[in-house]
């Protein structure tokens, strides 16, 4: 199965992340890069989890907020320990299934083409429920750049 991003997928995420209109060209470019790496990752048979920062910029000088665009890959069966993030996340599922249970909400499974938002400091559980297919995400992180990205919940 090829995880290449189509024009419809790019248009879909542009609509879903419309709160960041100044970054639309950046987002489209990053999604194009993600489609190339999705195909190349499958060709090499890579099974290693990763979370790469592809782009970082300050939203407004002096306000302490940055936007980071990440590409994340999780192998079949991956499960994160209970945690929260120090920034608001806007997530686009490129390939696979992403099962998320945010505190105060019911468990939900997102599939390729879906987008979601995670608010900062909300405890959550997340996993790739598939035993055979990897999970690939584009993560748009908006918040304080110096804070740890993932904070375990005890």
Protein backbone atom coordinates (compact mmCIF):
# COMPACT_ATOMS: atom_id res chain seq x y z
CA UNK A 1 0.00 0.00 0.00
CA UNK A 2 1.44 3.38 -0.97
CA UNK A 3 1.03 6.24 1.53
CA UNK A 4 1.47 9.02 -1.02
CA UNK A 5 -0.48 12.18 -0.46
CA UNK A 6 -2.98 13.16 -3.13
CA UNK A 7 -4.11 16.65 -4.14
CA UNK A 8 -7.48 15.94 -2.45
CA UNK A 9 -5.68 15.10 0.79
CA UNK A 10 -3.72 18.37 0.63
CA UNK A 11 -6.92 20.33 -0.06
CA UNK A 12 -8.63 18.54 2.84
CA UNK A 13 -5.96 19.42 5.35
CA UNK A 14 -5.86 23.00 4.10
CA UNK A 15 -9.57 23.26 4.93
CA UNK A 16 -9.19 21.52 8.29
CA UNK A 17 -6.22 23.63 9.42
CA UNK A 18 -7.65 26.89 8.12
CA UNK A 19 -6.88 28.64 11.41
CA UNK A 20 -3.29 28.91 10.16
CA UNK A 21 -3.83 30.56 6.74
CA UNK A 22 -0.40 32.22 6.63
CA UNK A 23 1.18 28.81 6.66
CA UNK A 24 -0.83 27.29 3.82
CA UNK A 25 2.08 27.24 1.38
CA UNK A 26 4.38 25.79 4.02
CA UNK A 27 1.82 23.13 4.89
CA UNK A 28 1.33 22.17 1.24
CA UNK A 29 5.10 21.92 0.76
CA UNK A 30 5.58 19.82 3.88
CA UNK A 31 2.78 17.48 2.86
CA UNK A 32 4.48 17.03 -0.50
CA UNK A 33 7.70 16.15 1.32
CA UNK A 34 5.80 13.75 3.55
CA UNK A 35 4.39 11.95 0.52
CA UNK A 36 7.92 11.42 -0.81
CA UNK A 37 9.19 10.12 2.54
CA UNK A 38 6.11 7.90 2.94
CA UNK A 39 6.90 6.14 -0.30
CA UNK A 40 10.65 5.94 0.40
CA UNK A 41 10.04 4.63 3.94
CA UNK A 42 7.89 1.81 2.61
CA UNK A 43 10.42 0.89 -0.04
CA UNK A 44 13.18 0.49 2.56
CA UNK A 45 10.91 -1.49 4.88
CA UNK A 46 11.71 0.88 7.76
CA UNK A 47 10.05 -0.25 11.01
CA UNK A 48 11.68 2.30 13.32
CA UNK A 49 9.50 4.79 15.18
CA UNK A 50 10.44 8.43 14.58
CA UNK A 51 9.18 11.97 15.19
CA UNK A 52 11.10 14.43 12.99
CA UNK A 53 10.79 18.21 13.03
CA UNK A 54 10.52 19.30 9.39
CA UNK A 55 9.90 23.02 9.90
CA UNK A 56 10.02 25.52 12.79
CA UNK A 57 9.13 29.21 12.90
CA UNK A 58 8.14 31.90 15.40
CA UNK A 59 4.54 33.01 15.01
CA UNK A 60 5.04 36.51 16.39
CA UNK A 61 8.38 37.81 17.68
CA UNK A 62 8.30 38.17 21.45
CA UNK A 63 5.11 36.19 22.13
CA UNK A 64 6.93 32.93 22.93
CA UNK A 65 4.91 30.84 20.49
CA UNK A 66 6.33 28.76 17.69
CA UNK A 67 4.87 26.47 15.10
CA UNK A 68 6.63 23.19 14.43
CA UNK A 69 5.67 20.77 11.70
CA UNK A 70 6.54 17.17 12.51
CA UNK A 71 6.43 13.92 10.64
CA UNK A 72 5.75 10.97 12.94
CA UNK A 73 5.89 7.25 12.15
CA UNK A 74 4.70 4.49 14.47
CA UNK A 75 5.05 0.77 13.70
CA UNK A 76 2.15 -1.70 13.95
CA UNK A 77 1.07 -2.26 17.56
CA UNK A 78 2.76 0.90 18.94
CA UNK A 79 1.22 2.25 22.15
CA UNK A 80 2.23 5.43 23.98
CA UNK A 81 2.21 5.57 27.76
CA UNK A 82 -0.43 7.96 29.19
CA UNK A 83 0.84 11.49 28.53
CA UNK A 84 0.03 15.05 27.53
CA UNK A 85 1.56 17.63 25.22
CA UNK A 86 2.71 21.14 26.21
CA UNK A 87 1.40 22.68 22.98
CA UNK A 88 -1.75 22.60 20.88
CA UNK A 89 -1.50 19.95 18.17
CA UNK A 90 -3.26 19.78 14.83
CA UNK A 91 -2.80 16.28 13.43
CA UNK A 92 -3.40 14.88 9.96
CA UNK A 93 -3.40 11.09 9.50
CA UNK A 94 -1.37 10.29 6.39
CA UNK A 95 -1.55 6.49 6.63
CA UNK A 96 -2.85 3.87 9.02
CA UNK A 97 -5.11 4.17 12.05
CA UNK A 98 -4.63 6.45 15.07
CA UNK A 99 -6.60 5.50 18.19
CA UNK A 100 -6.88 8.35 20.70
CA UNK A 101 -8.64 8.74 24.03
CA UNK A 102 -8.41 12.28 25.40
CA UNK A 103 -9.32 12.74 29.07
CA UNK A 104 -13.03 13.53 29.29
CA UNK A 105 -13.75 12.12 25.81
CA UNK A 106 -14.54 8.74 24.35
CA UNK A 107 -11.97 6.67 22.47
CA UNK A 108 -11.91 7.50 18.76
CA UNK A 109 -10.11 5.97 15.79
CA UNK A 110 -8.87 8.30 13.04
CA UNK A 111 -7.90 6.94 9.63
CA UNK A 112 -5.99 8.24 6.60
CA UNK A 113 -7.37 11.60 5.55
CA UNK A 114 -8.74 12.49 9.00
CA UNK A 115 -7.60 15.51 11.00
CA UNK A 116 -7.92 16.26 14.70
CA UNK A 117 -6.91 18.80 17.31
CA UNK A 118 -5.39 18.06 20.71
CA UNK A 119 -5.41 20.86 23.25
CA UNK A 120 -2.30 21.45 25.36
CA UNK A 121 -2.11 19.80 28.80
CA UNK A 122 -4.91 17.28 28.12
CA UNK A 123 -3.94 13.78 29.36
CA UNK A 124 -4.40 11.12 26.72
CA UNK A 125 -3.79 7.58 25.54
CA UNK A 126 -2.75 6.93 21.95
CA UNK A 127 -1.85 3.91 19.87
CA UNK A 128 -1.65 2.31 16.45
CA UNK A 129 -4.32 -0.40 16.81
CA UNK A 130 -3.22 -2.27 13.68
CA UNK A 131 -1.07 -5.34 14.04
CA UNK A 132 0.10 -5.11 10.41
CA UNK A 133 -0.03 -1.50 9.13
CA UNK A 134 2.19 1.40 10.25
CA UNK A 135 0.80 4.79 11.31
CA UNK A 136 2.10 8.01 9.77
CA UNK A 137 1.08 11.49 10.94
CA UNK A 138 1.72 15.12 10.05
CA UNK A 139 1.71 17.03 13.34
CA UNK A 140 1.41 20.81 13.48
CA UNK A 141 2.53 21.93 16.95
CA UNK A 142 1.63 25.45 18.07
CA UNK A 143 2.94 26.66 21.43
CA UNK A 144 5.98 27.17 23.59
CA UNK A 145 9.10 25.87 21.82
CA UNK A 146 11.25 25.24 24.91
CA UNK A 147 8.72 23.01 26.73
CA UNK A 148 9.05 19.24 26.38
CA UNK A 149 6.87 17.88 23.56
CA UNK A 150 5.62 14.83 25.51
CA UNK A 151 5.07 14.73 29.28
CA UNK A 152 4.27 11.38 30.93
CA UNK A 153 1.27 11.28 33.28
CA UNK A 154 1.92 9.36 36.48
